[in-house]
Amino acid sequence: MARARAGDTVKVHYTGKLDDGSVFDSSEGRDPLEFKLGEGHVIPGFEKAVEGMKKGESETVTIEAEDAYGPYQDEMVFQVSNDEMPDGLDPKVGEPLQMRQSDGSMVVVTVKGIDEKEVALDANHPLAGKALTFEIELVGIV
């Protein structure tokens, strides 16, 4: 039976968990995730785990932050004056917000803190700095 290799389009079911066992994402109840190996559409560690698997094979892997969403970077937390926030916006700590970058693209940030003068925004991916454990089942090589 063929093993998944770079250039193959694969379909996988997965469940992603944090160190405390909480599930942060899963394909359960949905169509399998489909992607082409080697094109960087999924985090590097996930791609490495799928490469070499056979259809029907299951594997549990722990992916360190460096091969997932990278380390948490303190410099990606920044302050925005309350005057610069859109009118009518009532941000809450932990809430995701979209911001337009200088090049016109959108980025998601998380409200980290609020005081009377400023809002602290975090542009790190919510899973940055975390090891992720995935239960992966290769359901097909297309």
Protein backbone atom coordinates (compact mmCIF):
# COMPACT_ATOMS: atom_id res chain seq x y z
CA MET A 1 0.00 0.00 0.00
CA ALA A 2 1.27 3.45 -0.93
CA ARG A 3 2.57 5.84 1.69
CA ALA A 4 1.78 9.58 1.60
CA ARG A 5 4.65 11.62 0.21
CA ALA A 6 5.40 15.20 -0.90
CA GLY A 7 3.17 16.21 -3.79
CA ASP A 8 0.29 13.90 -2.75
CA THR A 9 -3.10 15.32 -1.88
CA VAL A 10 -4.23 13.66 1.34
CA LYS A 11 -7.41 13.53 3.40
CA VAL A 12 -7.13 13.22 7.17
CA HIS A 13 -9.36 13.20 10.21
CA TYR A 14 -7.75 14.74 13.25
CA THR A 15 -8.27 15.93 16.80
CA GLY A 16 -5.91 18.54 18.24
CA LYS A 17 -5.37 18.80 21.99
CA LEU A 18 -3.39 21.02 24.34
CA ASP A 19 -1.16 19.72 27.16
CA ASP A 20 -4.11 19.87 29.57
CA GLY A 21 -6.11 17.52 27.29
CA SER A 22 -8.55 20.16 26.08
CA VAL A 23 -9.54 19.90 22.41
CA PHE A 24 -8.79 23.05 20.38
CA ASP A 25 -9.84 21.69 16.96
CA SER A 26 -11.23 18.53 15.40
CA SER A 27 -12.59 17.29 12.10
CA GLU A 28 -15.09 15.10 13.97
CA GLY A 29 -18.52 15.46 12.39
CA ARG A 30 -17.04 17.23 9.35
CA ASP A 31 -15.43 16.22 6.08
CA PRO A 32 -11.79 15.21 6.42
CA LEU A 33 -9.15 17.90 6.02
CA GLU A 34 -7.71 17.79 2.50
CA PHE A 35 -4.35 19.32 1.62
CA LYS A 36 -1.34 18.77 -0.61
CA LEU A 37 1.81 17.63 1.18
CA GLY A 38 4.74 19.98 0.70
CA GLU A 39 2.74 23.15 -0.02
CA GLY A 40 2.73 24.51 3.55
CA HIS A 41 -1.06 24.69 3.95
CA VAL A 42 -0.84 23.13 7.43
CA ILE A 43 1.68 23.59 10.22
CA PRO A 44 5.04 21.94 9.48
CA GLY A 45 4.86 19.34 12.26
CA PHE A 46 1.42 18.17 11.11
CA GLU A 47 2.68 17.78 7.55
CA LYS A 48 5.72 15.80 8.76
CA ALA A 49 3.45 13.50 10.79
CA VAL A 50 1.23 12.69 7.79
CA GLU A 51 4.12 12.11 5.39
CA GLY A 52 4.88 8.40 5.31
CA MET A 53 1.49 7.29 6.63
CA LYS A 54 -0.61 4.67 4.78
CA LYS A 55 -4.36 4.95 4.12
CA GLY A 56 -6.25 3.76 7.20
CA GLU A 57 -3.27 4.31 9.50
CA SER A 58 -3.68 6.35 12.70
CA GLU A 59 -1.00 8.12 14.69
CA THR A 60 -0.78 10.36 17.74
CA VAL A 61 1.98 12.99 17.62
CA THR A 62 3.05 15.86 19.82
CA ILE A 63 4.28 18.86 17.86
CA GLU A 64 6.46 21.38 19.69
CA ALA A 65 5.73 25.10 19.24
CA GLU A 66 8.62 25.56 16.79
CA ASP A 67 6.94 23.16 14.31
CA ALA A 68 3.44 24.46 15.06
CA TYR A 69 2.62 28.18 15.38
CA GLY A 70 6.06 29.23 16.59
CA PRO A 71 7.20 30.66 19.89
CA TYR A 72 5.17 33.31 21.70
CA GLN A 73 6.70 36.70 20.88
CA ASP A 74 6.26 39.47 23.45
CA GLU A 75 7.06 42.08 20.79
CA MET A 76 3.80 41.17 19.01
CA VAL A 77 1.82 42.67 21.89
CA PHE A 78 1.22 46.38 21.35
CA GLN A 79 -0.79 49.26 22.76
CA VAL A 80 -3.44 51.25 20.91
CA SER A 81 -4.84 54.46 22.31
CA ASN A 82 -8.56 54.30 23.10
CA ASP A 83 -8.92 57.30 20.73
CA GLU A 84 -7.68 55.12 17.85
CA MET A 85 -10.28 52.39 18.42
CA PRO A 86 -13.36 52.46 16.16
CA ASP A 87 -16.38 54.37 17.50
CA GLY A 88 -18.94 52.14 19.19
CA LEU A 89 -16.47 49.29 19.75
CA ASP A 90 -16.57 47.97 23.30
CA PRO A 91 -13.64 45.52 23.40
CA LYS A 92 -13.46 42.77 26.02
CA VAL A 93 -10.31 40.98 27.23
CA GLY A 94 -9.87 37.73 25.27
CA GLU A 95 -11.99 38.93 22.34
CA PRO A 96 -10.56 38.57 18.83
CA LEU A 97 -10.59 41.67 16.62
CA GLN A 98 -9.64 42.24 12.98
CA MET A 99 -7.23 45.02 12.08
CA ARG A 100 -6.19 46.32 8.71
CA GLN A 101 -2.42 46.43 8.23
CA SER A 102 -0.60 49.19 6.34
CA ASP A 103 -0.49 46.95 3.23
CA GLY A 104 -4.30 46.56 3.33
CA SER A 105 -4.33 42.95 4.53
CA MET A 106 -6.33 41.93 7.58
CA VAL A 107 -4.83 40.43 10.74
CA VAL A 108 -6.62 38.96 13.75
CA VAL A 109 -5.48 40.23 17.14
CA THR A 110 -6.69 39.35 20.63
CA VAL A 111 -7.55 41.95 23.26
CA LYS A 112 -4.98 41.33 26.01
CA GLY A 113 -5.81 44.18 28.39
CA ILE A 114 -7.77 47.42 28.71
CA ASP A 115 -7.25 50.50 30.83
CA GLU A 116 -8.60 54.05 30.78
CA LYS A 117 -6.10 55.18 28.10
CA GLU A 118 -5.09 52.15 26.02
CA VAL A 119 -6.02 48.71 24.74
CA ALA A 120 -3.30 46.04 24.63
CA LEU A 121 -3.57 43.88 21.51
CA ASP A 122 -1.80 40.58 20.90
CA ALA A 123 -0.96 39.65 17.29
CA ASN A 124 0.46 36.22 18.22
CA HIS A 125 -1.52 33.23 16.97
CA PRO A 126 -3.64 31.97 19.90
CA LEU A 127 -1.67 28.67 19.82
CA ALA A 128 1.78 30.28 19.61
CA GLY A 129 4.21 28.93 22.19
CA LYS A 130 2.18 25.79 22.81
CA ALA A 131 2.94 22.13 22.14
CA LEU A 132 0.05 20.51 20.28
CA THR A 133 -0.95 16.85 20.31
CA PHE A 134 -2.80 15.50 17.30
CA GLU A 135 -4.59 12.21 16.78
CA ILE A 136 -4.40 11.77 13.00
CA GLU A 137 -6.04 9.21 10.72
CA LEU A 138 -5.08 9.16 7.04
CA VAL A 139 -8.37 8.39 5.29
CA GLY A 140 -7.17 8.81 1.73
CA ILE A 141 -4.47 9.69 -0.75
CA VAL A 142 -6.17 11.38 -3.70
